[in-house]
PDB file of N, CA and C in Angstrom:
ATOM      1  N   MET A   1      79.039 184.551 139.831  1.00  0.00           N
ATOM      2  CA  MET A   1      80.465 184.653 140.299  1.00  0.00           C
ATOM      3  C   MET A   1      80.563 185.337 141.213  1.00  0.00           C
ATOM      4  N   ALA A   2      81.078 183.543 142.099  1.00  0.00           N
ATOM      5  CA  ALA A   2      82.104 184.425 143.647  1.00  0.00           C
ATOM      6  C   ALA A   2      83.231 184.254 143.713  1.00  0.00           C
ATOM      7  N   ILE A   3      83.381 185.678 143.714  1.00  0.00           N
ATOM      8  CA  ILE A   3      85.281 185.597 144.322  1.00  0.00           C
ATOM      9  C   ILE A   3      85.530 185.343 145.362  1.00  0.00           C
ATOM     10  N   ILE A   4      86.189 184.658 146.054  1.00  0.00           N
ATOM     11  CA  ILE A   4      86.637 184.639 147.469  1.00  0.00           C
ATOM     12  C   ILE A   4      87.745 184.293 147.795  1.00  0.00           C
ATOM     13  N   LEU A   5      88.663 185.100 148.979  1.00  0.00           N
ATOM     14  CA  LEU A   5      88.969 185.398 149.151  1.00  0.00           C
ATOM     15  C   LEU A   5      89.915 184.295 150.377  1.00  0.00           C
ATOM     16  N   ASN A   6      90.634 183.236 150.507  1.00  0.00           N
ATOM     17  CA  ASN A   6      90.580 182.683 151.465  1.00  0.00           C
ATOM     18  C   ASN A   6      92.194 182.989 152.475  1.00  0.00           C
ATOM     19  N   ILE A   7      91.109 182.222 153.833  1.00  0.00           N
ATOM     20  CA  ILE A   7      92.438 183.041 154.334  1.00  0.00           C
ATOM     21  C   ILE A   7      92.671 181.900 156.040  1.00  0.00           C
ATOM     22  N   GLU A   8      93.829 181.221 155.618  1.00  0.00           N
ATOM     23  CA  GLU A   8      93.920 180.380 157.336  1.00  0.00           C
ATOM     24  C   GLU A   8      95.391 180.498 157.752  1.00  0.00           C
ATOM     25  N   THR A   9      94.879 180.812 159.102  1.00  0.00           N
ATOM     26  CA  THR A   9      95.816 181.216 160.161  1.00  0.00           C
ATOM     27  C   THR A   9      95.929 180.655 161.565  1.00  0.00           C
ATOM     28  N   ALA A  10      95.348 179.194 161.378  1.00  0.00           N
ATOM     29  CA  ALA A  10      94.505 178.821 163.294  1.00  0.00           C
ATOM     30  C   ALA A  10      95.789 177.959 163.282  1.00  0.00           C
ATOM     31  N   THR A  11      96.673 177.762 162.459  1.00  0.00           N
ATOM     32  CA  THR A  11      98.359 176.323 162.860  1.00  0.00           C
ATOM     33  C   THR A  11      99.027 177.036 162.710  1.00  0.00           C
ATOM     34  N   LYS A  12     100.510 175.711 162.519  1.00  0.00           N
ATOM     35  CA  LYS A  12     101.372 176.651 161.913  1.00  0.00           C
ATOM     36  C   LYS A  12     101.517 177.366 160.759  1.00  0.00           C
ATOM     37  N   ASN A  13     100.340 176.337 159.997  1.00  0.00           N
ATOM     38  CA  ASN A  13     100.299 177.009 158.424  1.00  0.00           C
ATOM     39  C   ASN A  13      99.208 178.286 157.944  1.00  0.00           C
ATOM     40  N   CYS A  14     100.222 179.158 157.665  1.00  0.00           N
ATOM     41  CA  CYS A  14      99.886 179.893 157.185  1.00  0.00           C
ATOM     42  C   CYS A  14      99.771 180.419 155.279  1.00  0.00           C
ATOM     43  N   SER A  15      98.231 180.831 154.429  1.00  0.00           N
ATOM     44  CA  SER A  15      98.147 180.199 153.401  1.00  0.00           C
ATOM     45  C   SER A  15      96.709 181.809 153.331  1.00  0.00           C
ATOM     46  N   VAL A  16      97.055 181.468 151.791  1.00  0.00           N
ATOM     47  CA  VAL A  16      95.632 182.741 151.474  1.00  0.00           C
ATOM     48  C   VAL A  16      95.450 182.245 150.211  1.00  0.00           C
ATOM     49  N   SER A  17      94.636 182.250 149.098  1.00  0.00           N
ATOM     50  CA  SER A  17      93.766 181.685 147.889  1.00  0.00           C
ATOM     51  C   SER A  17      92.729 182.319 147.511  1.00  0.00           C
ATOM     52  N   ILE A  18      92.973 182.132 146.637  1.00  0.00           N
ATOM     53  CA  ILE A  18      92.321 183.358 145.482  1.00  0.00           C
ATOM     54  C   ILE A  18      90.969 182.181 145.322  1.00  0.00           C
ATOM     55  N   ALA A  19      89.367 181.764 144.858  1.00  0.00           N
ATOM     56  CA  ALA A  19      88.970 181.012 144.074  1.00  0.00           C
ATOM     57  C   ALA A  19      88.207 181.733 143.337  1.00  0.00           C
ATOM     58  N   ASN A  20      87.447 181.460 142.338  1.00  0.00           N
ATOM     59  CA  ASN A  20      86.319 182.002 141.467  1.00  0.00           C
ATOM     60  C   ASN A  20      85.900 180.545 141.116  1.00  0.00           C
ATOM     61  N   ASN A  21      84.250 180.148 142.228  1.00  0.00           N
ATOM     62  CA  ASN A  21      83.252 179.477 141.670  1.00  0.00           C
ATOM     63  C   ASN A  21      83.745 177.976 142.508  1.00  0.00           C
ATOM     64  N   GLY A  22      84.566 178.378 143.153  1.00  0.00           N
ATOM     65  CA  GLY A  22      85.298 177.000 143.461  1.00  0.00           C
ATOM     66  C   GLY A  22      86.037 176.340 142.893  1.00  0.00           C
ATOM     67  N   ALA A  23      86.282 177.239 141.912  1.00  0.00           N
ATOM     68  CA  ALA A  23      88.180 176.807 141.547  1.00  0.00           C
ATOM     69  C   ALA A  23      89.138 177.655 142.546  1.00  0.00           C
ATOM     70  N   VAL A  24      90.813 176.729 142.582  1.00  0.00           N
ATOM     71  CA  VAL A  24      91.706 177.976 143.333  1.00  0.00           C
ATOM     72  C   VAL A  24      92.338 178.170 142.196  1.00  0.00           C
ATOM     73  N   LEU A  25      92.348 179.836 141.830  1.00  0.00           N
ATOM     74  CA  LEU A  25      93.356 180.726 141.207  1.00  0.00           C
ATOM     75  C   LEU A  25      94.492 180.284 141.541  1.00  0.00           C
ATOM     76  N   VAL A  26      94.649 180.669 142.863  1.00  0.00           N
ATOM     77  CA  VAL A  26      96.348 181.119 143.983  1.00  0.00           C
ATOM     78  C   VAL A  26      95.966 180.963 144.927  1.00  0.00           C
ATOM     79  N   LEU A  27      97.088 180.178 144.958  1.00  0.00           N
ATOM     80  CA  LEU A  27      97.519 179.755 146.328  1.00  0.00           C
ATOM     81  C   LEU A  27      99.144 179.989 146.580  1.00  0.00           C
ATOM     82  N   LYS A  28      99.223 180.224 148.292  1.00  0.00           N
ATOM     83  CA  LYS A  28     100.341 180.939 148.835  1.00  0.00           C
ATOM     84  C   LYS A  28     100.046 180.390 150.399  1.00  0.00           C
ATOM     85  N   GLU A  29     101.309 179.645 150.529  1.00  0.00           N
ATOM     86  CA  GLU A  29     101.090 179.035 151.919  1.00  0.00           C
ATOM     87  C   GLU A  29     102.699 178.412 152.287  1.00  0.00           C
ATOM     88  N   LEU A  30     102.961 178.609 154.055  1.00  0.00           N
ATOM     89  CA  LEU A  30     104.123 178.925 154.543  1.00  0.00           C
ATOM     90  C   LEU A  30     103.215 177.842 155.967  1.00  0.00           C
ATOM     91  N   ASN A  31     104.306 176.976 155.734  1.00  0.00           N
ATOM     92  CA  ASN A  31     104.419 176.117 157.367  1.00  0.00           C
ATOM     93  C   ASN A  31     105.774 176.108 158.236  1.00  0.00           C
ATOM     94  N   ASP A  32     105.113 177.598 158.894  1.00  0.00           N
ATOM     95  CA  ASP A  32     106.326 178.712 159.746  1.00  0.00           C
ATOM     96  C   ASP A  32     105.790 177.756 161.304  1.00  0.00           C
ATOM     97  N   LEU A  33     107.683 177.103 161.914  1.00  0.00           N
ATOM     98  CA  LEU A  33     107.133 176.618 163.207  1.00  0.00           C
ATOM     99  C   LEU A  33     107.269 178.216 164.524  1.00  0.00           C
ATOM    100  N   ASN A  34     107.731 179.087 163.803  1.00  0.00           N
ATOM    101  CA  ASN A  34     107.526 180.406 164.868  1.00  0.00           C
ATOM    102  C   ASN A  34     106.702 180.622 164.532  1.00  0.00           C
ATOM    103  N   TYR A  35     105.222 180.079 164.364  1.00  0.00           N
ATOM    104  CA  TYR A  35     103.690 181.446 163.521  1.00  0.00           C
ATOM    105  C   TYR A  35     103.734 182.827 163.637  1.00  0.00           C
ATOM    106  N   SER A  36     104.603 182.993 162.542  1.00  0.00           N
ATOM    107  CA  SER A  36     104.551 184.420 162.427  1.00  0.00           C
ATOM    108  C   SER A  36     103.999 184.413 161.255  1.00  0.00           C
ATOM    109  N   HIS A  37     102.572 184.377 161.586  1.00  0.00           N
ATOM    110  CA  HIS A  37     101.155 184.619 160.371  1.00  0.00           C
ATOM    111  C   HIS A  37     101.538 186.154 160.206  1.00  0.00           C
ATOM    112  N   ALA A  38     101.607 187.214 160.686  1.00  0.00           N
ATOM    113  CA  ALA A  38     101.056 188.531 161.076  1.00  0.00           C
ATOM    114  C   ALA A  38     102.156 189.443 160.140  1.00  0.00           C
ATOM    115  N   GLU A  39     103.034 188.667 159.709  1.00  0.00           N
ATOM    116  CA  GLU A  39     104.486 188.672 159.408  1.00  0.00           C
ATOM    117  C   GLU A  39     104.012 188.902 157.591  1.00  0.00           C
ATOM    118  N   LYS A  40     103.611 187.438 158.130  1.00  0.00           N
ATOM    119  CA  LYS A  40     103.582 186.446 156.221  1.00  0.00           C
ATOM    120  C   LYS A  40     101.989 187.003 155.862  1.00  0.00           C
ATOM    121  N   LEU A  41     100.805 187.990 156.354  1.00  0.00           N
ATOM    122  CA  LEU A  41      99.865 187.356 155.842  1.00  0.00           C
ATOM    123  C   LEU A  41      99.853 188.596 154.971  1.00  0.00           C
ATOM    124  N   HIS A  42     100.407 190.110 155.204  1.00  0.00           N
ATOM    125  CA  HIS A  42     100.168 191.037 153.865  1.00  0.00           C
ATOM    126  C   HIS A  42     100.611 190.731 153.343  1.00  0.00           C
ATOM    127  N   PRO A  43     102.323 190.182 152.921  1.00  0.00           N
ATOM    128  CA  PRO A  43     102.475 190.523 152.174  1.00  0.00           C
ATOM    129  C   PRO A  43     102.432 188.867 151.248  1.00  0.00           C
ATOM    130  N   PHE A  44     101.554 188.244 151.770  1.00  0.00           N
ATOM    131  CA  PHE A  44     100.447 186.888 150.609  1.00  0.00           C
ATOM    132  C   PHE A  44      99.770 187.554 149.867  1.00  0.00           C
ATOM    133  N   ILE A  45      98.900 188.357 150.632  1.00  0.00           N
ATOM    134  CA  ILE A  45      97.444 188.857 150.053  1.00  0.00           C
ATOM    135  C   ILE A  45      98.000 190.254 149.123  1.00  0.00           C
ATOM    136  N   ASN A  46      99.233 190.383 149.326  1.00  0.00           N
ATOM    137  CA  ASN A  46      99.872 191.616 148.124  1.00  0.00           C
ATOM    138  C   ASN A  46     100.700 190.755 147.040  1.00  0.00           C
ATOM    139  N   ALA A  47     100.953 189.824 146.831  1.00  0.00           N
ATOM    140  CA  ALA A  47     101.598 188.923 146.162  1.00  0.00           C
ATOM    141  C   ALA A  47     100.704 188.800 145.081  1.00  0.00           C
TER     142      ALA A  47
END
């Protein structure tokens, strides 16, 4: 059983998800033109 925390911040999209054996369990994402990823990343992970 592999539980993986996925973080994507390479584009205007900031997303965090948790997957278990390839199935996404939780997904939180935001498309922000201001590139505020650093402000959003920790609250997304804590949610």
